[in-house]
Amino acid sequence: MGETARGRSQVITQSALIMRDELPEGGVLMGLDTGTKTIGIALCDRDWRFATAGKTLQRGKFTADKAKLQALIEERGVVGLVIGLPLNMDGSESPRSQGARAIARNLEDLGLPILLWDERWTTQAAERAMIEQDFSRAKRAERIDSHAAALILQGAIDALAGSAF
């Protein structure tokens, strides 16, 4: 853990307990579902009760993507990030896991604690929920990543708030 220009410690962890220790006052968190073509974004309230699907960014050069994320972080007063960690069904790491870890390392200099959260089944759960809500195929395709990000974030905030360890 190092100190950032903002004076906050920075950490990348898979532990909700460590993340909660980094943010004892709570605060708005941003959830990210990072794919090869898009980044789904979700936000939660400062009390860690509700995650809400937000934007879906089309991936481009990472510096441009990072600038868009940073602008949204500043606009919304985000104090921490939750990034989906795509694990294999047996819990082992995959090549996509390494990609998520690389994104976390590249966002580390934003000075926010980062929680890597198991995202197995989130896309399928988001798809089912959107079908139940009668979203058209086109709307599902457009919004699936931000809805998956909301499920990732909701799982993490449930753990952070102490209801799921």
N, C-alpha and C. Protein backbone atom coordinates (compact mmCIF):
# COMPACT_ATOMS: atom_id res chain seq x y z
N MET A 1 0.83 -1.17 0.00
CA MET A 1 0.00 0.00 0.00
C MET A 1 0.88 1.23 0.00
N GLY A 2 0.59 2.14 -0.87
CA GLY A 2 1.33 3.38 -0.91
C GLY A 2 0.41 4.55 -0.71
N GLU A 3 0.97 5.70 -0.51
CA GLU A 3 0.17 6.92 -0.39
C GLU A 3 0.05 7.58 -1.75
N THR A 4 -1.09 8.14 -2.02
CA THR A 4 -1.32 8.81 -3.30
C THR A 4 -1.24 10.31 -3.10
N ALA A 5 -1.34 11.03 -4.21
CA ALA A 5 -1.33 12.49 -4.14
C ALA A 5 -2.51 13.00 -3.33
N ARG A 6 -3.60 12.25 -3.29
CA ARG A 6 -4.78 12.66 -2.53
C ARG A 6 -4.63 12.30 -1.05
N GLY A 7 -3.56 11.61 -0.68
CA GLY A 7 -3.34 11.26 0.70
C GLY A 7 -4.04 9.99 1.15
N ARG A 8 -4.71 9.32 0.26
CA ARG A 8 -5.40 8.08 0.62
C ARG A 8 -4.48 6.90 0.33
N SER A 9 -4.63 5.86 1.12
CA SER A 9 -3.85 4.67 0.81
C SER A 9 -4.48 3.97 -0.38
N GLN A 10 -3.68 3.28 -1.12
CA GLN A 10 -4.21 2.54 -2.25
C GLN A 10 -3.94 1.06 -2.03
N VAL A 11 -4.91 0.26 -2.38
CA VAL A 11 -4.81 -1.17 -2.19
C VAL A 11 -5.61 -1.85 -3.31
N ILE A 12 -5.12 -2.98 -3.74
CA ILE A 12 -5.88 -3.85 -4.63
C ILE A 12 -6.03 -5.15 -3.87
N THR A 13 -7.28 -5.58 -3.66
CA THR A 13 -7.53 -6.75 -2.83
C THR A 13 -8.70 -7.56 -3.35
N GLN A 14 -8.80 -8.80 -2.91
CA GLN A 14 -9.96 -9.63 -3.15
C GLN A 14 -10.75 -9.81 -1.86
N SER A 15 -10.35 -9.12 -0.81
CA SER A 15 -10.97 -9.27 0.51
C SER A 15 -11.91 -8.11 0.82
N ALA A 16 -13.18 -8.43 1.06
CA ALA A 16 -14.14 -7.40 1.47
C ALA A 16 -13.73 -6.79 2.81
N LEU A 17 -13.14 -7.58 3.68
CA LEU A 17 -12.71 -7.06 4.99
C LEU A 17 -11.64 -5.99 4.84
N ILE A 18 -10.67 -6.24 3.97
CA ILE A 18 -9.61 -5.25 3.75
C ILE A 18 -10.20 -4.00 3.10
N MET A 19 -11.07 -4.17 2.14
CA MET A 19 -11.69 -3.02 1.47
C MET A 19 -12.50 -2.21 2.49
N ARG A 20 -13.25 -2.89 3.34
CA ARG A 20 -14.05 -2.18 4.34
C ARG A 20 -13.15 -1.40 5.29
N ASP A 21 -12.02 -1.98 5.65
CA ASP A 21 -11.06 -1.26 6.51
C ASP A 21 -10.51 -0.01 5.82
N GLU A 22 -10.37 -0.07 4.50
CA GLU A 22 -9.89 1.09 3.74
C GLU A 22 -10.92 2.20 3.69
N LEU A 23 -12.20 1.85 3.83
CA LEU A 23 -13.29 2.82 3.68
C LEU A 23 -14.23 2.76 4.89
N PRO A 24 -13.74 3.08 6.08
CA PRO A 24 -14.56 2.94 7.28
C PRO A 24 -15.79 3.84 7.30
N GLU A 25 -15.79 4.90 6.51
CA GLU A 25 -16.92 5.83 6.46
C GLU A 25 -17.90 5.49 5.34
N GLY A 26 -17.66 4.40 4.62
CA GLY A 26 -18.52 4.08 3.47
C GLY A 26 -18.20 4.99 2.31
N GLY A 27 -19.19 5.30 1.51
CA GLY A 27 -19.01 6.18 0.36
C GLY A 27 -19.42 5.51 -0.94
N VAL A 28 -19.58 6.31 -1.95
CA VAL A 28 -20.00 5.82 -3.26
C VAL A 28 -18.91 4.95 -3.87
N LEU A 29 -19.31 3.78 -4.33
CA LEU A 29 -18.39 2.88 -5.03
C LEU A 29 -18.83 2.75 -6.47
N MET A 30 -17.86 2.50 -7.33
CA MET A 30 -18.12 2.26 -8.75
C MET A 30 -17.77 0.81 -9.06
N GLY A 31 -18.70 0.10 -9.66
CA GLY A 31 -18.46 -1.27 -10.11
C GLY A 31 -18.17 -1.29 -11.58
N LEU A 32 -17.22 -2.13 -11.97
CA LEU A 32 -16.83 -2.23 -13.38
C LEU A 32 -16.89 -3.68 -13.83
N ASP A 33 -17.54 -3.90 -14.97
CA ASP A 33 -17.51 -5.19 -15.66
C ASP A 33 -16.71 -4.95 -16.92
N THR A 34 -15.45 -5.36 -16.91
CA THR A 34 -14.54 -5.05 -18.01
C THR A 34 -14.51 -6.19 -19.01
N GLY A 35 -14.89 -5.88 -20.22
CA GLY A 35 -14.82 -6.84 -21.31
C GLY A 35 -13.80 -6.37 -22.33
N THR A 36 -13.69 -7.11 -23.40
CA THR A 36 -12.74 -6.72 -24.44
C THR A 36 -13.25 -5.57 -25.29
N LYS A 37 -14.59 -5.42 -25.38
CA LYS A 37 -15.16 -4.37 -26.22
C LYS A 37 -15.83 -3.25 -25.43
N THR A 38 -16.26 -3.55 -24.20
CA THR A 38 -16.97 -2.56 -23.41
C THR A 38 -16.56 -2.62 -21.94
N ILE A 39 -16.92 -1.56 -21.23
CA ILE A 39 -16.79 -1.52 -19.77
C ILE A 39 -18.16 -1.14 -19.23
N GLY A 40 -18.78 -2.08 -18.52
CA GLY A 40 -20.04 -1.79 -17.87
C GLY A 40 -19.77 -1.09 -16.55
N ILE A 41 -20.57 -0.07 -16.25
CA ILE A 41 -20.36 0.74 -15.05
C ILE A 41 -21.63 0.74 -14.20
N ALA A 42 -21.44 0.59 -12.90
CA ALA A 42 -22.54 0.70 -11.94
C ALA A 42 -22.05 1.55 -10.77
N LEU A 43 -22.99 2.13 -10.05
CA LEU A 43 -22.67 2.93 -8.87
C LEU A 43 -23.58 2.50 -7.72
N CYS A 44 -23.10 2.71 -6.50
CA CYS A 44 -23.94 2.44 -5.34
C CYS A 44 -24.07 3.69 -4.50
N ASP A 45 -25.04 3.66 -3.59
CA ASP A 45 -25.21 4.76 -2.65
C ASP A 45 -24.08 4.73 -1.62
N ARG A 46 -23.92 5.80 -0.90
CA ARG A 46 -22.79 5.90 0.04
C ARG A 46 -22.93 4.99 1.25
N ASP A 47 -24.14 4.48 1.50
CA ASP A 47 -24.36 3.57 2.62
C ASP A 47 -24.24 2.10 2.22
N TRP A 48 -23.90 1.81 0.98
CA TRP A 48 -23.68 0.46 0.48
C TRP A 48 -24.92 -0.42 0.58
N ARG A 49 -26.04 0.14 0.12
CA ARG A 49 -27.27 -0.63 0.13
C ARG A 49 -27.69 -1.06 -1.27
N PHE A 50 -27.61 -0.15 -2.23
CA PHE A 50 -28.16 -0.42 -3.55
C PHE A 50 -27.16 -0.11 -4.66
N ALA A 51 -26.97 -1.06 -5.55
CA ALA A 51 -26.16 -0.84 -6.75
C ALA A 51 -27.10 -0.59 -7.91
N THR A 52 -26.74 0.36 -8.75
CA THR A 52 -27.57 0.73 -9.89
C THR A 52 -26.72 0.72 -11.16
N ALA A 53 -27.27 0.10 -12.19
CA ALA A 53 -26.58 0.07 -13.48
C ALA A 53 -26.43 1.49 -14.01
N GLY A 54 -25.28 1.76 -14.61
CA GLY A 54 -25.01 3.07 -15.17
C GLY A 54 -24.73 2.98 -16.66
N LYS A 55 -23.65 3.58 -17.05
CA LYS A 55 -23.26 3.65 -18.46
C LYS A 55 -22.52 2.38 -18.89
N THR A 56 -22.44 2.22 -20.19
CA THR A 56 -21.56 1.23 -20.80
C THR A 56 -20.64 1.99 -21.73
N LEU A 57 -19.34 1.90 -21.47
CA LEU A 57 -18.36 2.57 -22.33
C LEU A 57 -17.86 1.62 -23.39
N GLN A 58 -17.76 2.10 -24.61
CA GLN A 58 -17.10 1.33 -25.65
C GLN A 58 -15.60 1.44 -25.40
N ARG A 59 -14.91 0.31 -25.39
CA ARG A 59 -13.48 0.35 -25.12
C ARG A 59 -12.74 0.96 -26.30
N GLY A 60 -11.74 1.73 -25.96
CA GLY A 60 -10.85 2.33 -26.95
C GLY A 60 -9.44 2.22 -26.40
N LYS A 61 -8.65 3.23 -26.63
CA LYS A 61 -7.32 3.26 -26.02
C LYS A 61 -7.50 3.42 -24.51
N PHE A 62 -6.66 2.71 -23.75
CA PHE A 62 -6.87 2.70 -22.31
C PHE A 62 -6.76 4.09 -21.70
N THR A 63 -5.88 4.93 -22.21
CA THR A 63 -5.75 6.27 -21.63
C THR A 63 -7.05 7.06 -21.78
N ALA A 64 -7.74 6.90 -22.90
CA ALA A 64 -9.02 7.58 -23.10
C ALA A 64 -10.09 6.98 -22.19
N ASP A 65 -10.11 5.66 -22.08
CA ASP A 65 -11.07 5.00 -21.19
C ASP A 65 -10.85 5.44 -19.75
N LYS A 66 -9.59 5.50 -19.35
CA LYS A 66 -9.26 5.89 -17.98
C LYS A 66 -9.70 7.33 -17.71
N ALA A 67 -9.52 8.20 -18.67
CA ALA A 67 -9.93 9.60 -18.51
C ALA A 67 -11.44 9.70 -18.34
N LYS A 68 -12.20 8.91 -19.09
CA LYS A 68 -13.66 8.90 -18.95
C LYS A 68 -14.07 8.39 -17.57
N LEU A 69 -13.41 7.32 -17.13
CA LEU A 69 -13.70 6.78 -15.80
C LEU A 69 -13.35 7.80 -14.72
N GLN A 70 -12.20 8.45 -14.87
CA GLN A 70 -11.77 9.43 -13.87
C GLN A 70 -12.75 10.60 -13.79
N ALA A 71 -13.25 11.04 -14.93
CA ALA A 71 -14.22 12.13 -14.93
C ALA A 71 -15.49 11.72 -14.19
N LEU A 72 -15.95 10.50 -14.42
CA LEU A 72 -17.15 10.00 -13.75
C LEU A 72 -16.89 9.81 -12.24
N ILE A 73 -15.70 9.35 -11.90
CA ILE A 73 -15.32 9.18 -10.49
C ILE A 73 -15.39 10.53 -9.77
N GLU A 74 -14.83 11.55 -10.40
CA GLU A 74 -14.82 12.88 -9.79
C GLU A 74 -16.23 13.47 -9.73
N GLU A 75 -17.00 13.30 -10.79
CA GLU A 75 -18.37 13.83 -10.85
C GLU A 75 -19.25 13.21 -9.76
N ARG A 76 -19.10 11.92 -9.51
CA ARG A 76 -19.95 11.20 -8.57
C ARG A 76 -19.36 11.07 -7.17
N GLY A 77 -18.15 11.54 -6.96
CA GLY A 77 -17.52 11.45 -5.64
C GLY A 77 -17.22 10.02 -5.23
N VAL A 78 -16.78 9.22 -6.16
CA VAL A 78 -16.49 7.80 -5.91
C VAL A 78 -15.26 7.67 -5.02
N VAL A 79 -15.36 6.79 -4.00
CA VAL A 79 -14.25 6.59 -3.06
C VAL A 79 -13.56 5.24 -3.22
N GLY A 80 -14.11 4.35 -4.04
CA GLY A 80 -13.49 3.04 -4.26
C GLY A 80 -14.07 2.37 -5.48
N LEU A 81 -13.30 1.40 -6.01
CA LEU A 81 -13.71 0.67 -7.21
C LEU A 81 -13.89 -0.80 -6.89
N VAL A 82 -14.87 -1.42 -7.54
CA VAL A 82 -15.07 -2.86 -7.48
C VAL A 82 -15.00 -3.35 -8.92
N ILE A 83 -14.01 -4.18 -9.21
CA ILE A 83 -13.81 -4.68 -10.57
C ILE A 83 -14.12 -6.16 -10.60
N GLY A 84 -14.96 -6.56 -11.55
CA GLY A 84 -15.30 -7.97 -11.70
C GLY A 84 -14.07 -8.78 -12.06
N LEU A 85 -13.87 -9.89 -11.34
CA LEU A 85 -12.75 -10.79 -11.58
C LEU A 85 -13.31 -12.08 -12.19
N PRO A 86 -13.10 -12.28 -13.49
CA PRO A 86 -13.66 -13.46 -14.15
C PRO A 86 -12.83 -14.72 -13.85
N LEU A 87 -13.33 -15.51 -12.93
CA LEU A 87 -12.67 -16.76 -12.56
C LEU A 87 -13.29 -17.92 -13.33
N ASN A 88 -12.53 -19.01 -13.44
CA ASN A 88 -13.08 -20.24 -13.98
C ASN A 88 -14.09 -20.80 -12.99
N MET A 89 -14.93 -21.71 -13.44
CA MET A 89 -15.95 -22.26 -12.57
C MET A 89 -15.38 -22.97 -11.35
N ASP A 90 -14.15 -23.46 -11.44
CA ASP A 90 -13.52 -24.12 -10.28
C ASP A 90 -12.83 -23.11 -9.35
N GLY A 91 -12.95 -21.83 -9.66
CA GLY A 91 -12.36 -20.78 -8.83
C GLY A 91 -10.95 -20.40 -9.21
N SER A 92 -10.39 -21.09 -10.18
CA SER A 92 -9.03 -20.77 -10.61
C SER A 92 -9.03 -19.56 -11.54
N GLU A 93 -7.87 -18.97 -11.70
CA GLU A 93 -7.72 -17.79 -12.55
C GLU A 93 -7.72 -18.20 -14.03
N SER A 94 -8.17 -17.27 -14.84
CA SER A 94 -8.21 -17.47 -16.29
C SER A 94 -7.42 -16.36 -16.95
N PRO A 95 -7.17 -16.44 -18.25
CA PRO A 95 -6.52 -15.32 -18.94
C PRO A 95 -7.31 -14.02 -18.77
N ARG A 96 -8.63 -14.10 -18.73
CA ARG A 96 -9.45 -12.90 -18.51
C ARG A 96 -9.25 -12.34 -17.11
N SER A 97 -8.95 -13.22 -16.14
CA SER A 97 -8.65 -12.76 -14.78
C SER A 97 -7.42 -11.86 -14.80
N GLN A 98 -6.42 -12.28 -15.54
CA GLN A 98 -5.20 -11.49 -15.63
C GLN A 98 -5.48 -10.14 -16.27
N GLY A 99 -6.40 -10.10 -17.22
CA GLY A 99 -6.79 -8.83 -17.84
C GLY A 99 -7.44 -7.90 -16.82
N ALA A 100 -8.31 -8.45 -15.97
CA ALA A 100 -8.96 -7.63 -14.94
C ALA A 100 -7.92 -7.13 -13.94
N ARG A 101 -6.97 -7.97 -13.59
CA ARG A 101 -5.90 -7.55 -12.67
C ARG A 101 -5.05 -6.43 -13.29
N ALA A 102 -4.80 -6.54 -14.60
CA ALA A 102 -4.02 -5.51 -15.29
C ALA A 102 -4.78 -4.17 -15.29
N ILE A 103 -6.08 -4.23 -15.50
CA ILE A 103 -6.88 -3.01 -15.45
C ILE A 103 -6.81 -2.40 -14.05
N ALA A 104 -6.92 -3.23 -13.03
CA ALA A 104 -6.82 -2.74 -11.64
C ALA A 104 -5.48 -2.05 -11.42
N ARG A 105 -4.40 -2.68 -11.87
CA ARG A 105 -3.07 -2.06 -11.70
C ARG A 105 -2.98 -0.74 -12.45
N ASN A 106 -3.59 -0.67 -13.64
CA ASN A 106 -3.56 0.56 -14.43
C ASN A 106 -4.44 1.66 -13.84
N LEU A 107 -5.41 1.30 -13.01
CA LEU A 107 -6.26 2.30 -12.35
C LEU A 107 -5.77 2.65 -10.95
N GLU A 108 -4.76 1.94 -10.49
CA GLU A 108 -4.24 2.12 -9.14
C GLU A 108 -3.81 3.56 -8.86
N ASP A 109 -3.27 4.24 -9.86
CA ASP A 109 -2.79 5.60 -9.63
C ASP A 109 -3.92 6.63 -9.47
N LEU A 110 -5.18 6.20 -9.58
CA LEU A 110 -6.29 7.10 -9.28
C LEU A 110 -6.41 7.32 -7.78
N GLY A 111 -5.69 6.50 -7.01
CA GLY A 111 -5.65 6.68 -5.56
C GLY A 111 -6.85 6.15 -4.82
N LEU A 112 -7.58 5.21 -5.41
CA LEU A 112 -8.75 4.63 -4.78
C LEU A 112 -8.49 3.17 -4.44
N PRO A 113 -9.01 2.69 -3.32
CA PRO A 113 -8.91 1.25 -3.06
C PRO A 113 -9.72 0.49 -4.11
N ILE A 114 -9.21 -0.68 -4.49
CA ILE A 114 -9.84 -1.49 -5.53
C ILE A 114 -10.09 -2.88 -4.98
N LEU A 115 -11.34 -3.32 -5.11
CA LEU A 115 -11.74 -4.66 -4.72
C LEU A 115 -11.99 -5.47 -5.97
N LEU A 116 -11.29 -6.59 -6.13
CA LEU A 116 -11.53 -7.51 -7.24
C LEU A 116 -12.56 -8.51 -6.74
N TRP A 117 -13.71 -8.60 -7.44
CA TRP A 117 -14.83 -9.40 -6.95
C TRP A 117 -15.21 -10.48 -7.96
N ASP A 118 -15.35 -11.69 -7.47
CA ASP A 118 -15.71 -12.85 -8.29
C ASP A 118 -16.99 -12.53 -9.08
N GLU A 119 -16.88 -12.63 -10.39
CA GLU A 119 -18.04 -12.28 -11.22
C GLU A 119 -18.65 -13.48 -11.93
N ARG A 120 -18.34 -14.69 -11.48
CA ARG A 120 -18.95 -15.85 -12.12
C ARG A 120 -20.47 -15.73 -12.10
N TRP A 121 -21.10 -16.00 -13.22
CA TRP A 121 -22.54 -16.04 -13.40
C TRP A 121 -23.21 -14.67 -13.46
N THR A 122 -22.48 -13.57 -13.33
CA THR A 122 -23.17 -12.27 -13.30
C THR A 122 -23.80 -11.92 -14.65
N THR A 123 -23.12 -12.21 -15.74
CA THR A 123 -23.69 -11.86 -17.05
C THR A 123 -24.96 -12.68 -17.30
N GLN A 124 -24.92 -13.97 -16.94
CA GLN A 124 -26.11 -14.81 -17.13
C GLN A 124 -27.26 -14.33 -16.24
N ALA A 125 -26.96 -13.96 -15.01
CA ALA A 125 -28.00 -13.46 -14.10
C ALA A 125 -28.58 -12.14 -14.60
N ALA A 126 -27.72 -11.28 -15.12
CA ALA A 126 -28.19 -10.00 -15.67
C ALA A 126 -29.08 -10.24 -16.88
N GLU A 127 -28.68 -11.17 -17.72
CA GLU A 127 -29.48 -11.51 -18.91
C GLU A 127 -30.86 -12.03 -18.50
N ARG A 128 -30.90 -12.95 -17.54
CA ARG A 128 -32.18 -13.50 -17.07
C ARG A 128 -33.08 -12.39 -16.51
N ALA A 129 -32.50 -11.52 -15.70
CA ALA A 129 -33.29 -10.44 -15.10
C ALA A 129 -33.83 -9.50 -16.18
N MET A 130 -33.04 -9.22 -17.18
CA MET A 130 -33.49 -8.32 -18.25
C MET A 130 -34.58 -8.98 -19.10
N ILE A 131 -34.48 -10.28 -19.31
CA ILE A 131 -35.53 -11.01 -20.04
C ILE A 131 -36.83 -10.96 -19.23
N GLU A 132 -36.72 -11.19 -17.91
CA GLU A 132 -37.90 -11.13 -17.05
C GLU A 132 -38.55 -9.76 -17.07
N GLN A 133 -37.74 -8.72 -17.27
CA GLN A 133 -38.27 -7.36 -17.33
C GLN A 133 -38.70 -6.98 -18.75
N ASP A 134 -38.66 -7.97 -19.64
CA ASP A 134 -39.13 -7.80 -21.02
C ASP A 134 -38.31 -6.81 -21.84
N PHE A 135 -36.99 -6.76 -21.59
CA PHE A 135 -36.10 -5.96 -22.42
C PHE A 135 -36.01 -6.63 -23.79
N SER A 136 -36.00 -5.83 -24.85
CA SER A 136 -35.81 -6.38 -26.19
C SER A 136 -34.36 -6.87 -26.31
N ARG A 137 -34.09 -7.70 -27.31
CA ARG A 137 -32.72 -8.17 -27.54
C ARG A 137 -31.75 -7.00 -27.72
N ALA A 138 -32.19 -6.01 -28.46
CA ALA A 138 -31.33 -4.84 -28.73
C ALA A 138 -31.01 -4.11 -27.43
N LYS A 139 -32.00 -3.90 -26.58
CA LYS A 139 -31.78 -3.22 -25.30
C LYS A 139 -30.90 -4.06 -24.39
N ARG A 140 -31.09 -5.38 -24.41
CA ARG A 140 -30.25 -6.26 -23.59
C ARG A 140 -28.80 -6.16 -24.04
N ALA A 141 -28.58 -6.21 -25.33
CA ALA A 141 -27.21 -6.13 -25.85
C ALA A 141 -26.55 -4.81 -25.48
N GLU A 142 -27.34 -3.75 -25.50
CA GLU A 142 -26.83 -2.41 -25.20
C GLU A 142 -26.50 -2.23 -23.71
N ARG A 143 -27.25 -2.90 -22.85
CA ARG A 143 -27.16 -2.65 -21.41
C ARG A 143 -26.62 -3.80 -20.57
N ILE A 144 -26.33 -4.93 -21.16
CA ILE A 144 -25.96 -6.12 -20.39
C ILE A 144 -24.74 -5.89 -19.50
N ASP A 145 -23.74 -5.18 -20.01
CA ASP A 145 -22.51 -5.00 -19.24
C ASP A 145 -22.72 -4.11 -18.02
N SER A 146 -23.53 -3.07 -18.14
CA SER A 146 -23.78 -2.22 -16.97
C SER A 146 -24.65 -2.95 -15.95
N HIS A 147 -25.56 -3.80 -16.41
CA HIS A 147 -26.37 -4.59 -15.48
C HIS A 147 -25.50 -5.65 -14.78
N ALA A 148 -24.57 -6.24 -15.51
CA ALA A 148 -23.64 -7.19 -14.89
C ALA A 148 -22.76 -6.46 -13.87
N ALA A 149 -22.34 -5.24 -14.19
CA ALA A 149 -21.55 -4.44 -13.25
C ALA A 149 -22.35 -4.18 -11.97
N ALA A 150 -23.66 -3.94 -12.11
CA ALA A 150 -24.50 -3.71 -10.93
C ALA A 150 -24.58 -4.96 -10.07
N LEU A 151 -24.64 -6.14 -10.69
CA LEU A 151 -24.68 -7.38 -9.91
C LEU A 151 -23.34 -7.62 -9.20
N ILE A 152 -22.25 -7.33 -9.89
CA ILE A 152 -20.93 -7.45 -9.27
C ILE A 152 -20.85 -6.52 -8.06
N LEU A 153 -21.24 -5.27 -8.27
CA LEU A 153 -21.18 -4.28 -7.20
C LEU A 153 -22.11 -4.64 -6.05
N GLN A 154 -23.32 -5.13 -6.36
CA GLN A 154 -24.26 -5.48 -5.29
C GLN A 154 -23.70 -6.61 -4.42
N GLY A 155 -23.10 -7.61 -5.05
CA GLY A 155 -22.48 -8.68 -4.28
C GLY A 155 -21.39 -8.16 -3.36
N ALA A 156 -20.60 -7.25 -3.88
CA ALA A 156 -19.50 -6.68 -3.09
C ALA A 156 -20.03 -5.82 -1.95
N ILE A 157 -21.02 -4.97 -2.21
CA ILE A 157 -21.50 -4.11 -1.13
C ILE A 157 -22.26 -4.91 -0.07
N ASP A 158 -22.90 -5.99 -0.48
CA ASP A 158 -23.52 -6.87 0.52
C ASP A 158 -22.45 -7.40 1.48
N ALA A 159 -21.32 -7.80 0.92
CA ALA A 159 -20.22 -8.29 1.76
C ALA A 159 -19.61 -7.16 2.59
N LEU A 160 -19.42 -6.01 1.98
CA LEU A 160 -18.84 -4.87 2.68
C LEU A 160 -19.72 -4.41 3.84
N ALA A 161 -21.03 -4.48 3.64
CA ALA A 161 -21.97 -4.05 4.68
C ALA A 161 -22.13 -5.13 5.75
N GLY A 162 -21.50 -6.28 5.55
CA GLY A 162 -21.49 -7.32 6.57
C GLY A 162 -22.57 -8.36 6.46
N SER A 163 -23.34 -8.35 5.37
CA SER A 163 -24.42 -9.32 5.28
C SER A 163 -24.06 -10.57 4.49
N ALA A 164 -22.86 -10.64 3.93
CA ALA A 164 -22.50 -11.83 3.15
C ALA A 164 -20.99 -12.05 3.19
N PHE A 165 -20.50 -12.77 4.19
CA PHE A 165 -19.07 -13.08 4.24
C PHE A 165 -18.84 -14.52 3.96
